[in-house]
Amino acid sequence: MLSQTLKRLRENCGYTQQQVADALNIDRSTYTYYETAKTTPDINTIIKLAKIFNVTYSDILDDDAGPTARVSDSGKGSSSEKRHSKNSSLIYELTKNEKQLIIYYRLMDKASQKEFLDTAYLKIKNSK
């Protein structure tokens, strides 16, 4: 069921409902309705949720298979797939702000992600 999948993915990532709602630019109560099956997100929201949780949108919609996370192969640029299991995201050790940063980064298109990383690198390099 979609509502259970959303809740499981959010909890596996260690995100709060508020963090996900903020990233979607909706009220927390609206997101809560998605997890309690009172309402259903539209397809654009599902695509954004897939980015936030680092899964494919079909994983969110498919009730039979467990969600599949896209993981990078040691920075080589290629990606492989790995089944999500409880605590598999290894994001729990991050602070609230670090988790929020990851959510926003995942919502960016590839060009914006590259620009962001380049800017962050320059800031770090210039602060030394």
C-alpha atoms as a PDB file:
ATOM      1  CA  MET A   1       0.000   0.000   0.000  1.00  0.00           C
ATOM      2  CA  LEU A   2       1.325   3.444  -0.960  1.00  0.00           C
ATOM      3  CA  SER A   3       0.827   4.958   2.486  1.00  0.00           C
ATOM      4  CA  GLN A   4       2.838   2.201   4.181  1.00  0.00           C
ATOM      5  CA  THR A   5       5.575   2.423   1.566  1.00  0.00           C
ATOM      6  CA  LEU A   6       5.950   6.175   2.136  1.00  0.00           C
ATOM      7  CA  LYS A   7       6.143   5.733   5.887  1.00  0.00           C
ATOM      8  CA  ARG A   8       8.678   2.895   5.621  1.00  0.00           C
ATOM      9  CA  LEU A   9      10.880   4.858   3.215  1.00  0.00           C
ATOM     10  CA  ARG A  10      10.753   7.996   5.371  1.00  0.00           C
ATOM     11  CA  GLU A  11      11.634   6.054   8.520  1.00  0.00           C
ATOM     12  CA  ASN A  12      14.415   4.131   6.754  1.00  0.00           C
ATOM     13  CA  CYS A  13      15.982   7.451   5.757  1.00  0.00           C
ATOM     14  CA  GLY A  14      15.591   8.833   9.272  1.00  0.00           C
ATOM     15  CA  TYR A  15      13.529  11.806   8.105  1.00  0.00           C
ATOM     16  CA  THR A  16      10.696  13.394  10.025  1.00  0.00           C
ATOM     17  CA  GLN A  17       7.348  14.085   8.410  1.00  0.00           C
ATOM     18  CA  GLN A  18       8.136  17.788   8.799  1.00  0.00           C
ATOM     19  CA  GLN A  19      11.412  17.482   6.868  1.00  0.00           C
ATOM     20  CA  VAL A  20       9.707  15.732   3.969  1.00  0.00           C
ATOM     21  CA  ALA A  21       6.801  18.183   4.003  1.00  0.00           C
ATOM     22  CA  ASP A  22       9.210  21.141   3.989  1.00  0.00           C
ATOM     23  CA  ALA A  23      11.057  19.695   0.998  1.00  0.00           C
ATOM     24  CA  LEU A  24       7.745  19.265  -0.828  1.00  0.00           C
ATOM     25  CA  ASN A  25       6.626  22.744   0.220  1.00  0.00           C
ATOM     26  CA  ILE A  26       3.430  21.403   1.796  1.00  0.00           C
ATOM     27  CA  ASP A  27       1.985  21.350   5.316  1.00  0.00           C
ATOM     28  CA  ARG A  28       3.074  18.509   7.552  1.00  0.00           C
ATOM     29  CA  SER A  29      -0.568  17.513   7.927  1.00  0.00           C
ATOM     30  CA  THR A  30      -0.846  17.080   4.159  1.00  0.00           C
ATOM     31  CA  TYR A  31       2.127  14.726   4.169  1.00  0.00           C
ATOM     32  CA  THR A  32       0.668  12.898   7.174  1.00  0.00           C
ATOM     33  CA  TYR A  33      -2.480  12.307   5.119  1.00  0.00           C
ATOM     34  CA  TYR A  34      -0.328  10.561   2.496  1.00  0.00           C
ATOM     35  CA  GLU A  35       1.062   8.192   5.137  1.00  0.00           C
ATOM     36  CA  THR A  36      -2.359   7.506   6.644  1.00  0.00           C
ATOM     37  CA  ALA A  37      -4.029   6.977   3.247  1.00  0.00           C
ATOM     38  CA  LYS A  38      -6.467   9.848   3.761  1.00  0.00           C
ATOM     39  CA  THR A  39      -5.225  11.392   0.509  1.00  0.00           C
ATOM     40  CA  THR A  40      -2.932  10.300  -2.304  1.00  0.00           C
ATOM     41  CA  PRO A  41      -0.068  12.406  -3.677  1.00  0.00           C
ATOM     42  CA  ASP A  42      -0.211  13.359  -7.348  1.00  0.00           C
ATOM     43  CA  ILE A  43       2.366  11.968  -9.772  1.00  0.00           C
ATOM     44  CA  ASN A  44       4.616  15.057  -9.556  1.00  0.00           C
ATOM     45  CA  THR A  45       4.757  14.690  -5.783  1.00  0.00           C
ATOM     46  CA  ILE A  46       5.520  10.977  -6.108  1.00  0.00           C
ATOM     47  CA  ILE A  47       8.430  11.812  -8.419  1.00  0.00           C
ATOM     48  CA  LYS A  48       9.762  14.312  -5.848  1.00  0.00           C
ATOM     49  CA  LEU A  49       9.324  11.746  -3.067  1.00  0.00           C
ATOM     50  CA  ALA A  50      11.310   9.237  -5.111  1.00  0.00           C
ATOM     51  CA  LYS A  51      14.169  11.741  -5.320  1.00  0.00           C
ATOM     52  CA  ILE A  52      13.979  12.503  -1.594  1.00  0.00           C
ATOM     53  CA  PHE A  53      14.073   8.801  -0.665  1.00  0.00           C
ATOM     54  CA  ASN A  54      16.563   7.946  -3.430  1.00  0.00           C
ATOM     55  CA  VAL A  55      14.345   5.295  -5.022  1.00  0.00           C
ATOM     56  CA  THR A  56      12.577   5.060  -8.362  1.00  0.00           C
ATOM     57  CA  TYR A  57       9.011   6.328  -8.559  1.00  0.00           C
ATOM     58  CA  SER A  58       7.901   2.865  -9.658  1.00  0.00           C
ATOM     59  CA  ASP A  59       9.311   1.500  -6.394  1.00  0.00           C
ATOM     60  CA  ILE A  60       6.960   3.813  -4.513  1.00  0.00           C
ATOM     61  CA  LEU A  61       3.984   2.754  -6.601  1.00  0.00           C
ATOM     62  CA  ASP A  62       4.787  -0.978  -6.715  1.00  0.00           C
ATOM     63  CA  ASP A  63       3.347  -2.735  -3.678  1.00  0.00           C
ATOM     64  CA  ASP A  64       4.881  -6.148  -4.415  1.00  0.00           C
ATOM     65  CA  ALA A  65       8.596  -5.406  -4.508  1.00  0.00           C
ATOM     66  CA  GLY A  66      10.559  -3.668  -1.815  1.00  0.00           C
ATOM     67  CA  PRO A  67      11.920  -0.236  -2.756  1.00  0.00           C
ATOM     68  CA  THR A  68      15.281  -0.220  -4.487  1.00  0.00           C
ATOM     69  CA  ALA A  69      17.851   2.417  -3.563  1.00  0.00           C
ATOM     70  CA  ARG A  70      20.223   3.763  -6.187  1.00  0.00           C
ATOM     71  CA  VAL A  71      23.740   3.657  -4.818  1.00  0.00           C
ATOM     72  CA  SER A  72      26.903   4.911  -6.463  1.00  0.00           C
ATOM     73  CA  ASP A  73      29.790   2.504  -7.033  1.00  0.00           C
ATOM     74  CA  SER A  74      32.612   4.209  -5.127  1.00  0.00           C
ATOM     75  CA  GLY A  75      32.336   7.477  -7.024  1.00  0.00           C
ATOM     76  CA  LYS A  76      32.787   5.958 -10.491  1.00  0.00           C
ATOM     77  CA  GLY A  77      29.619   7.633 -11.691  1.00  0.00           C
ATOM     78  CA  SER A  78      27.768   4.407 -12.356  1.00  0.00           C
ATOM     79  CA  SER A  79      25.022   3.237 -10.095  1.00  0.00           C
ATOM     80  CA  SER A  80      23.835  -0.135  -8.940  1.00  0.00           C
ATOM     81  CA  GLU A  81      20.681  -1.073  -7.138  1.00  0.00           C
ATOM     82  CA  LYS A  82      20.385  -2.311  -3.606  1.00  0.00           C
ATOM     83  CA  ARG A  83      17.263  -3.407  -1.770  1.00  0.00           C
ATOM     84  CA  HIS A  84      16.194  -1.140   1.104  1.00  0.00           C
ATOM     85  CA  SER A  85      16.078  -2.769   4.502  1.00  0.00           C
ATOM     86  CA  LYS A  86      15.546  -1.210   7.901  1.00  0.00           C
ATOM     87  CA  ASN A  87      18.485   1.071   8.770  1.00  0.00           C
ATOM     88  CA  SER A  88      20.104   0.494   5.355  1.00  0.00           C
ATOM     89  CA  SER A  89      20.471   4.170   4.468  1.00  0.00           C
ATOM     90  CA  LEU A  90      23.200   4.870   7.050  1.00  0.00           C
ATOM     91  CA  ILE A  91      21.867   8.395   7.360  1.00  0.00           C
ATOM     92  CA  TYR A  92      21.045   8.169  11.060  1.00  0.00           C
ATOM     93  CA  GLU A  93      24.369   9.617  12.180  1.00  0.00           C
ATOM     94  CA  LEU A  94      23.736  12.876  10.337  1.00  0.00           C
ATOM     95  CA  THR A  95      22.418  16.003  12.010  1.00  0.00           C
ATOM     96  CA  LYS A  96      18.991  17.391  11.187  1.00  0.00           C
ATOM     97  CA  ASN A  97      20.568  20.065   8.954  1.00  0.00           C
ATOM     98  CA  GLU A  98      22.693  17.493   7.131  1.00  0.00           C
ATOM     99  CA  LYS A  99      19.611  15.377   6.433  1.00  0.00           C
ATOM    100  CA  GLN A 100      17.774  18.441   5.134  1.00  0.00           C
ATOM    101  CA  LEU A 101      20.720  19.256   2.869  1.00  0.00           C
ATOM    102  CA  ILE A 102      20.558  15.753   1.390  1.00  0.00           C
ATOM    103  CA  ILE A 103      16.824  16.105   0.760  1.00  0.00           C
ATOM    104  CA  TYR A 104      17.316  19.403  -1.090  1.00  0.00           C
ATOM    105  CA  TYR A 105      20.298  18.036  -3.038  1.00  0.00           C
ATOM    106  CA  ARG A 106      18.263  15.053  -4.219  1.00  0.00           C
ATOM    107  CA  LEU A 107      15.527  17.387  -5.465  1.00  0.00           C
ATOM    108  CA  MET A 108      17.984  19.256  -7.730  1.00  0.00           C
ATOM    109  CA  ASP A 109      18.531  18.345 -11.369  1.00  0.00           C
ATOM    110  CA  LYS A 110      21.977  16.980 -12.315  1.00  0.00           C
ATOM    111  CA  ALA A 111      23.304  20.344 -13.509  1.00  0.00           C
ATOM    112  CA  SER A 112      22.282  22.055 -10.265  1.00  0.00           C
ATOM    113  CA  GLN A 113      23.850  19.250  -8.233  1.00  0.00           C
ATOM    114  CA  LYS A 114      27.140  19.707 -10.091  1.00  0.00           C
ATOM    115  CA  GLU A 115      27.019  23.480  -9.648  1.00  0.00           C
ATOM    116  CA  PHE A 116      26.277  23.051  -5.943  1.00  0.00           C
ATOM    117  CA  LEU A 117      29.176  20.634  -5.448  1.00  0.00           C
ATOM    118  CA  ASP A 118      31.556  22.870  -7.399  1.00  0.00           C
ATOM    119  CA  THR A 119      30.549  25.852  -5.249  1.00  0.00           C
ATOM    120  CA  ALA A 120      30.944  23.855  -2.040  1.00  0.00           C
ATOM    121  CA  TYR A 121      34.374  22.666  -3.156  1.00  0.00           C
ATOM    122  CA  LEU A 122      35.515  26.233  -3.903  1.00  0.00           C
ATOM    123  CA  LYS A 123      34.254  27.447  -0.514  1.00  0.00           C
ATOM    124  CA  ILE A 124      36.182  24.697   1.255  1.00  0.00           C
ATOM    125  CA  LYS A 125      39.310  25.280  -0.828  1.00  0.00           C
ATOM    126  CA  ASN A 126      39.230  29.053  -0.202  1.00  0.00           C
ATOM    127  CA  SER A 127      38.658  28.704   3.527  1.00  0.00           C
ATOM    128  CA  LYS A 128      41.957  26.883   4.096  1.00  0.00           C
END
